[in-house]
Each structure stands twice: as structure tokens, then as C-alpha cells.
Protein backbone atom coordinates (compact mmCIF):
# COMPACT_ATOMS: atom_id res chain seq x y z
CA MET A 1 94.86 74.63 87.91
CA LEU A 2 94.91 77.96 87.00
CA ALA A 3 92.55 77.59 84.43
CA GLN A 4 89.95 75.87 86.76
CA LEU A 5 90.43 79.06 88.98
CA LEU A 6 89.16 81.67 86.35
CA ARG A 7 85.82 79.70 85.82
CA ILE A 8 84.90 79.30 89.68
CA ASP A 9 82.18 81.46 91.05
CA ARG A 10 84.30 84.08 92.73
CA ALA A 11 83.54 83.65 96.21
CA GLY A 12 81.70 86.66 96.98
CA GLY A 13 83.24 88.62 94.03
CA GLY A 14 80.87 91.23 92.56
CA GLY A 15 80.93 93.01 89.45
CA GLY A 16 79.68 91.96 85.86
CA GLY A 17 80.57 88.48 85.66
CA GLY A 18 83.67 87.61 83.95
CA PHE A 19 87.66 88.86 84.71
CA VAL A 20 89.15 91.73 82.83
CA ALA A 21 92.31 89.79 82.23
CA ASN A 22 93.20 85.80 81.92
CA GLY A 23 95.20 85.26 84.39
CA ALA A 24 94.09 87.86 87.25
CA TYR A 25 93.30 86.25 89.83
CA ALA A 26 94.84 85.22 92.96
CA ASP A 27 92.97 82.37 96.04
CA ASN A 28 93.85 81.93 99.59
CA GLN A 29 97.29 83.68 99.81
CA GLN A 30 98.85 84.39 102.94
CA ILE A 31 101.76 87.30 102.99
CA ALA A 32 104.08 87.41 105.81
CA GLY A 33 104.31 90.27 107.63
CA VAL A 34 106.87 93.02 107.59
CA ALA A 35 107.40 96.09 110.19
CA VAL A 36 107.15 99.08 107.60
CA THR A 37 106.43 99.23 104.20
CA PRO A 38 108.00 98.04 101.46
CA GLY A 39 106.82 94.05 101.61
CA TRP A 40 104.74 93.80 98.37
CA VAL A 41 104.40 90.51 97.29
CA VAL A 42 103.48 89.73 93.92
CA ILE A 43 99.95 87.43 93.81
CA ALA A 44 99.05 87.52 90.19
CA GLU A 45 100.36 89.05 86.98
CA PHE A 46 99.05 89.12 83.76
CA ASP A 47 99.19 91.51 80.31
CA LEU A 48 96.09 93.36 79.27
CA ASP A 49 95.19 92.50 75.83
CA THR A 50 92.19 94.03 75.64
CA LEU A 51 91.34 97.67 77.62
CA PRO A 52 88.22 96.81 79.70
CA ALA A 53 85.09 99.56 79.37
CA SER A 54 85.65 99.14 83.34
CA ALA A 55 87.71 97.60 86.15
CA LEU A 56 87.55 97.11 89.79
CA LEU A 57 89.86 95.46 91.56
CA ASP A 58 88.23 93.27 94.20
CA GLY A 59 89.19 91.13 97.00
CA ILE A 60 89.01 89.83 100.62
CA LEU A 61 91.83 90.21 103.04
CA LEU A 62 92.41 89.59 106.84
CA VAL A 63 94.89 90.18 109.23
CA SER A 64 95.92 87.82 111.63
CA GLN A 65 96.12 90.57 114.61
CA VAL A 66 94.68 93.62 115.10
CA ALA A 67 98.16 95.99 115.06
CA LEU A 68 98.49 95.19 111.27
CA THR A 69 97.27 96.06 108.29
CA GLY A 70 96.40 94.17 104.88
CA ARG A 71 97.13 95.89 101.63
CA LEU A 72 95.83 95.24 98.24
CA ARG A 73 97.28 97.58 95.33
CA LEU A 74 97.53 96.62 90.98
CA TYR A 75 100.65 97.33 89.81
CA ASP A 76 102.21 98.64 86.05
CA VAL A 77 105.14 96.52 86.24
CA THR A 78 106.12 97.99 82.67
CA GLY A 79 105.28 101.75 83.99
CA ALA A 80 107.42 100.66 87.00
CA ALA A 81 104.54 102.15 89.37
CA ALA A 82 101.48 101.33 91.15
CA VAL A 83 98.51 101.86 89.63
CA ALA A 84 96.80 105.11 90.76
CA GLY A 85 94.00 104.84 93.49
CA SER A 86 94.15 101.14 93.20
CA THR A 87 95.47 100.56 97.11
CA LEU A 88 92.98 99.18 99.34
CA SER A 89 93.72 98.32 103.62
CA THR A 90 92.27 96.62 105.85
CA VAL A 91 92.66 96.01 109.40
CA SER A 92 89.78 93.40 109.57
CA LEU A 93 90.24 90.13 111.37
CA THR A 94 87.64 87.97 110.11
CA GLY A 95 87.62 89.22 107.00
CA GLU A 96 86.79 92.38 104.59
CA ARG A 97 85.61 92.74 101.14
CA LEU A 98 87.64 95.59 99.41
CA THR A 99 86.84 97.28 96.08
CA SER A 100 88.73 100.15 93.73
CA ALA A 101 87.34 103.00 92.28
CA ASP A 102 87.06 102.04 88.18
CA LEU A 103 90.99 101.75 87.04
CA ALA A 104 89.76 101.80 83.39
CA GLY A 105 90.97 105.09 82.72
CA VAL A 106 94.66 104.62 83.84
CA LEU A 107 95.01 101.52 82.42
CA VAL A 108 97.20 101.15 79.63
CA LEU A 109 96.75 98.28 76.51
CA GLY A 110 99.77 96.20 76.14
CA ARG A 111 101.32 96.71 79.84
CA ARG A 112 101.82 93.74 82.01
CA TYR A 113 100.48 94.57 85.41
CA GLN A 114 100.64 92.64 89.08
CA ILE A 115 98.37 91.93 91.76
CA GLN A 116 99.90 92.39 94.69
CA ALA A 117 99.74 92.15 99.07
CA GLU A 118 101.34 93.44 101.59
CA CYS A 119 101.25 93.09 105.04
CA THR A 120 102.75 95.68 107.71
CA GLY A 121 102.88 96.39 111.72
CA GLY A 122 104.87 93.52 112.81
CA ALA A 123 107.41 91.10 111.23
CA ALA A 124 106.89 88.23 114.08
CA PRO A 125 105.99 84.35 112.17
CA THR A 126 102.56 84.70 113.63
CA ASP A 127 102.07 88.13 111.68
CA TRP A 128 100.14 87.64 108.33
CA VAL A 129 97.91 89.02 105.90
CA VAL A 130 95.53 86.20 104.15
CA VAL A 131 93.97 87.27 100.59
CA ARG A 132 91.04 85.01 100.54
CA TYR A 133 90.81 86.51 96.46
CA ALA A 134 92.11 89.27 94.47
CA THR A 135 91.20 89.79 91.04
CA LEU A 136 90.76 92.72 88.15
CA LEU A 137 86.64 92.69 87.57
CA PRO A 138 84.41 94.77 85.13
CA SER A 139 82.15 96.71 87.29
């Protein structure tokens, strides 16, 4: 199934085509809300085997109600820290495309990375964010 995901047209995803890293793709994941951060959930994980010329964190997120904030970020597992400049957020109820600045300058070859999402502002069963897609793309 992952191989199929890596070949699909990115449903609105931009960039120069292709992916920065195999496995760096999430599709229609629902993340439960938490009252306050941290509530990060791993939605994709990959090893950075080739240093890209450019890399943008790109995704579409929507939240279930207006009091919530959905966030997306790239996390450096090896360095145990969020990648600087990668955290994106939305309060959209209908879906908002989010794209980071170029992150290639802060990525380290050979490290393991995760794409993570969280939903903050409420912890009721009806509080959630949906990540329609999230990936790391070349610009």
C-alpha cells in the first residue's frame, strides 16, 4: 500500500514532482484532540538517504471545530527536536493547504525524520484534525 501511495498524484500537492524521501507521505489521518500541547502523533517516518536540493513540508489539514488548532511539523528523531521552521498550523474547518519554507538547509543526511501532527484546544471525542495529505516535496 505504501508503494501505491508514493506513486499517486498528490491530490493538490505542489512542487517539482516526486518526493524528497520514500515513505514521507501520510494520507487522510485523523488525530484526536488534546487540551494543550504536546499531542504530537507520528503520521510518517523515513530515513534521509539523499540530501535534497530543496525540501518543503506540504499538506492539507482541517479541524472539526473552530476552537481547535491543527499543526503539522517535521521532527528530527536522531536529533530529538522539531526541525526549525517546519511547524505549520491552521484553524480551517474546510481544509487548508500549508507549505513550509525550504527546509533543505537544516536537514542532515543519514538522520531519521518524522512528519507529525497534533490537534490542540479540546479533548472531547468530537475534537480532531484530519491530515488529508502531508509529505516532504522538492520545490
